[in-house]
N, C-alpha and C. Protein backbone atom coordinates (compact mmCIF):
# COMPACT_ATOMS: atom_id res chain seq x y z
N MET A 1 -10.21 -1.34 13.60
CA MET A 1 -9.10 -0.66 12.85
C MET A 1 -9.37 0.85 13.00
N THR A 2 -8.28 1.57 13.06
CA THR A 2 -8.36 3.01 13.19
C THR A 2 -8.67 3.64 11.83
N LYS A 3 -9.14 4.86 11.91
CA LYS A 3 -9.46 5.59 10.68
C LYS A 3 -8.26 5.77 9.76
N ILE A 4 -7.08 5.99 10.33
CA ILE A 4 -5.94 6.29 9.47
C ILE A 4 -5.53 4.96 8.83
N ARG A 5 -5.70 3.83 9.38
CA ARG A 5 -5.41 2.54 8.68
C ARG A 5 -6.38 2.25 7.57
N LYS A 6 -7.69 2.56 7.77
CA LYS A 6 -8.64 2.39 6.73
C LYS A 6 -8.36 3.32 5.60
N THR A 7 -7.95 4.57 5.89
CA THR A 7 -7.58 5.53 4.85
C THR A 7 -6.44 5.02 4.08
N PHE A 8 -5.41 4.53 4.76
CA PHE A 8 -4.20 4.03 4.09
C PHE A 8 -4.55 2.82 3.18
N ALA A 9 -5.33 1.90 3.71
CA ALA A 9 -5.67 0.72 2.91
C ALA A 9 -6.39 1.08 1.65
N LYS A 10 -7.41 2.01 1.76
CA LYS A 10 -8.18 2.47 0.65
C LYS A 10 -7.29 3.14 -0.38
N ASN A 11 -6.39 4.07 0.09
CA ASN A 11 -5.62 4.85 -0.80
C ASN A 11 -4.50 4.01 -1.48
N LEU A 12 -3.98 3.03 -0.78
CA LEU A 12 -3.03 2.12 -1.37
C LEU A 12 -3.63 1.33 -2.51
N LYS A 13 -4.81 0.75 -2.30
CA LYS A 13 -5.47 0.10 -3.30
C LYS A 13 -5.79 0.90 -4.52
N LYS A 14 -6.38 2.09 -4.25
CA LYS A 14 -6.71 3.05 -5.31
C LYS A 14 -5.47 3.43 -6.16
N ALA A 15 -4.35 3.74 -5.46
CA ALA A 15 -3.13 4.11 -6.19
C ALA A 15 -2.65 2.94 -7.07
N ARG A 16 -2.69 1.75 -6.50
CA ARG A 16 -2.31 0.56 -7.24
C ARG A 16 -3.08 0.30 -8.46
N LEU A 17 -4.41 0.34 -8.24
CA LEU A 17 -5.34 0.18 -9.40
C LEU A 17 -5.18 1.26 -10.45
N ASP A 18 -5.01 2.53 -10.00
CA ASP A 18 -4.83 3.60 -10.92
C ASP A 18 -3.62 3.47 -11.81
N LYS A 19 -2.64 2.72 -11.33
CA LYS A 19 -1.38 2.43 -12.07
C LYS A 19 -1.50 1.16 -12.89
N GLY A 20 -2.62 0.45 -12.74
CA GLY A 20 -2.80 -0.82 -13.41
C GLY A 20 -1.88 -1.92 -13.01
N ILE A 21 -1.54 -1.90 -11.73
CA ILE A 21 -0.53 -2.91 -11.20
C ILE A 21 -1.33 -3.90 -10.27
N THR A 22 -1.07 -5.15 -10.47
CA THR A 22 -1.71 -6.18 -9.60
C THR A 22 -0.99 -6.19 -8.31
N GLN A 23 -1.61 -6.83 -7.35
CA GLN A 23 -0.96 -7.04 -6.02
C GLN A 23 0.26 -7.91 -6.22
N GLU A 24 0.28 -8.83 -7.09
CA GLU A 24 1.37 -9.69 -7.32
C GLU A 24 2.53 -8.94 -7.95
N GLN A 25 2.27 -8.07 -8.91
CA GLN A 25 3.34 -7.25 -9.50
C GLN A 25 3.96 -6.33 -8.47
N LEU A 26 3.15 -5.70 -7.71
CA LEU A 26 3.62 -4.70 -6.59
C LEU A 26 4.53 -5.48 -5.68
N ALA A 27 4.07 -6.63 -5.17
CA ALA A 27 4.80 -7.41 -4.31
C ALA A 27 6.14 -7.77 -4.84
N GLU A 28 6.15 -8.24 -6.09
CA GLU A 28 7.41 -8.64 -6.75
C GLU A 28 8.38 -7.49 -6.86
N LYS A 29 7.93 -6.36 -7.24
CA LYS A 29 8.83 -5.18 -7.47
C LYS A 29 9.37 -4.75 -6.13
N LEU A 30 8.63 -4.93 -5.04
CA LEU A 30 9.14 -4.45 -3.65
C LEU A 30 9.89 -5.62 -2.92
N GLY A 31 9.81 -6.84 -3.42
CA GLY A 31 10.45 -7.94 -2.77
C GLY A 31 9.74 -8.30 -1.44
N ILE A 32 8.38 -8.19 -1.44
CA ILE A 32 7.60 -8.54 -0.35
C ILE A 32 6.54 -9.55 -0.79
N SER A 33 5.89 -10.16 0.15
CA SER A 33 4.92 -11.21 -0.20
C SER A 33 3.58 -10.57 -0.68
N VAL A 34 2.87 -11.31 -1.52
CA VAL A 34 1.59 -10.92 -2.00
C VAL A 34 0.64 -10.84 -0.77
N ARG A 35 0.83 -11.76 0.11
CA ARG A 35 -0.03 -11.80 1.35
C ARG A 35 0.07 -10.53 2.12
N TYR A 36 1.25 -9.95 2.22
CA TYR A 36 1.50 -8.68 2.88
C TYR A 36 0.73 -7.57 2.18
N ILE A 37 0.84 -7.48 0.89
CA ILE A 37 0.07 -6.48 0.13
C ILE A 37 -1.49 -6.66 0.44
N GLN A 38 -1.90 -7.91 0.49
CA GLN A 38 -3.32 -8.19 0.73
C GLN A 38 -3.68 -7.67 2.12
N LEU A 39 -2.81 -7.89 3.10
CA LEU A 39 -3.04 -7.38 4.43
C LEU A 39 -3.05 -5.90 4.50
N LEU A 40 -2.19 -5.24 3.77
CA LEU A 40 -2.11 -3.77 3.76
C LEU A 40 -3.37 -3.24 3.16
N GLU A 41 -3.99 -3.89 2.24
CA GLU A 41 -5.18 -3.39 1.62
C GLU A 41 -6.46 -3.84 2.26
N GLY A 42 -6.28 -4.75 3.22
CA GLY A 42 -7.53 -5.42 3.81
C GLY A 42 -8.13 -4.68 4.97
N LYS A 43 -9.01 -5.37 5.62
CA LYS A 43 -9.84 -4.83 6.72
C LYS A 43 -9.01 -4.73 8.05
N ASN A 44 -7.92 -5.46 8.15
CA ASN A 44 -7.12 -5.44 9.40
C ASN A 44 -5.69 -5.07 9.06
N THR A 45 -5.63 -3.89 8.43
CA THR A 45 -4.24 -3.39 8.12
C THR A 45 -3.26 -3.35 9.22
N PRO A 46 -2.18 -3.98 9.10
CA PRO A 46 -1.17 -3.96 10.22
C PRO A 46 -0.36 -2.67 10.17
N ASN A 47 0.41 -2.43 11.28
CA ASN A 47 1.29 -1.32 11.29
C ASN A 47 2.23 -1.36 10.06
N VAL A 48 2.52 -0.22 9.55
CA VAL A 48 3.43 -0.18 8.36
C VAL A 48 4.70 0.57 8.71
N LYS A 49 5.78 -0.03 8.42
CA LYS A 49 7.11 0.65 8.62
C LYS A 49 7.20 1.84 7.65
N VAL A 50 7.90 2.83 8.10
CA VAL A 50 8.08 4.06 7.28
C VAL A 50 8.85 3.66 5.98
N ASP A 51 9.81 2.78 6.02
CA ASP A 51 10.53 2.34 4.85
C ASP A 51 9.60 1.67 3.85
N THR A 52 8.65 0.90 4.38
CA THR A 52 7.68 0.24 3.40
C THR A 52 6.75 1.26 2.83
N LEU A 53 6.31 2.21 3.63
CA LEU A 53 5.48 3.31 3.10
C LEU A 53 6.18 4.09 1.98
N GLU A 54 7.51 4.34 2.27
CA GLU A 54 8.28 5.09 1.28
C GLU A 54 8.43 4.27 -0.02
N ALA A 55 8.69 2.99 0.13
CA ALA A 55 8.91 2.07 -1.06
C ALA A 55 7.60 1.99 -1.84
N LEU A 56 6.53 1.86 -1.17
CA LEU A 56 5.18 1.79 -1.89
C LEU A 56 4.99 3.13 -2.66
N ALA A 57 5.16 4.18 -2.07
CA ALA A 57 4.96 5.51 -2.64
C ALA A 57 5.85 5.65 -3.94
N LYS A 58 7.09 5.27 -3.70
CA LYS A 58 8.05 5.46 -4.85
C LYS A 58 7.60 4.55 -5.99
N GLU A 59 7.21 3.31 -5.72
CA GLU A 59 6.84 2.40 -6.80
C GLU A 59 5.54 2.88 -7.46
N LEU A 60 4.69 3.45 -6.70
CA LEU A 60 3.39 3.88 -7.20
C LEU A 60 3.44 5.36 -7.71
N LYS A 61 4.59 5.96 -7.56
CA LYS A 61 4.87 7.32 -8.09
C LYS A 61 3.89 8.34 -7.44
N ILE A 62 3.77 8.23 -6.10
CA ILE A 62 2.96 9.18 -5.40
C ILE A 62 3.83 9.65 -4.18
N LYS A 63 3.36 10.68 -3.58
CA LYS A 63 4.03 11.14 -2.34
C LYS A 63 3.55 10.34 -1.14
N PRO A 64 4.42 10.01 -0.17
CA PRO A 64 3.95 9.10 0.97
C PRO A 64 2.69 9.64 1.69
N HIS A 65 2.58 10.95 1.80
CA HIS A 65 1.47 11.49 2.55
C HIS A 65 0.14 11.29 1.84
N GLU A 66 0.17 10.98 0.53
CA GLU A 66 -1.11 10.75 -0.18
C GLU A 66 -1.77 9.48 0.30
N PHE A 67 -1.11 8.57 0.95
CA PHE A 67 -1.75 7.35 1.48
C PHE A 67 -2.61 7.77 2.66
N LEU A 68 -2.36 8.88 3.32
CA LEU A 68 -3.02 9.20 4.56
C LEU A 68 -4.04 10.30 4.44
N VAL A 69 -4.33 10.82 3.32
CA VAL A 69 -5.30 11.86 3.18
C VAL A 69 -6.48 11.46 2.32
């Protein structure tokens, strides 16, 4: 896995936990599967569509670029 994917996975999980939201709650709010959230936060993070990145950021109330730094 590339460094940017590791950074994304780590920052997504941190942002979610900081907001006190479970993977199940986040998935439900975005209309995606819990398994997909697990994959995004996991060791083999798949490619993420820009629309998904934007939706995650909006729901977690952060700027999209914060996932990548």
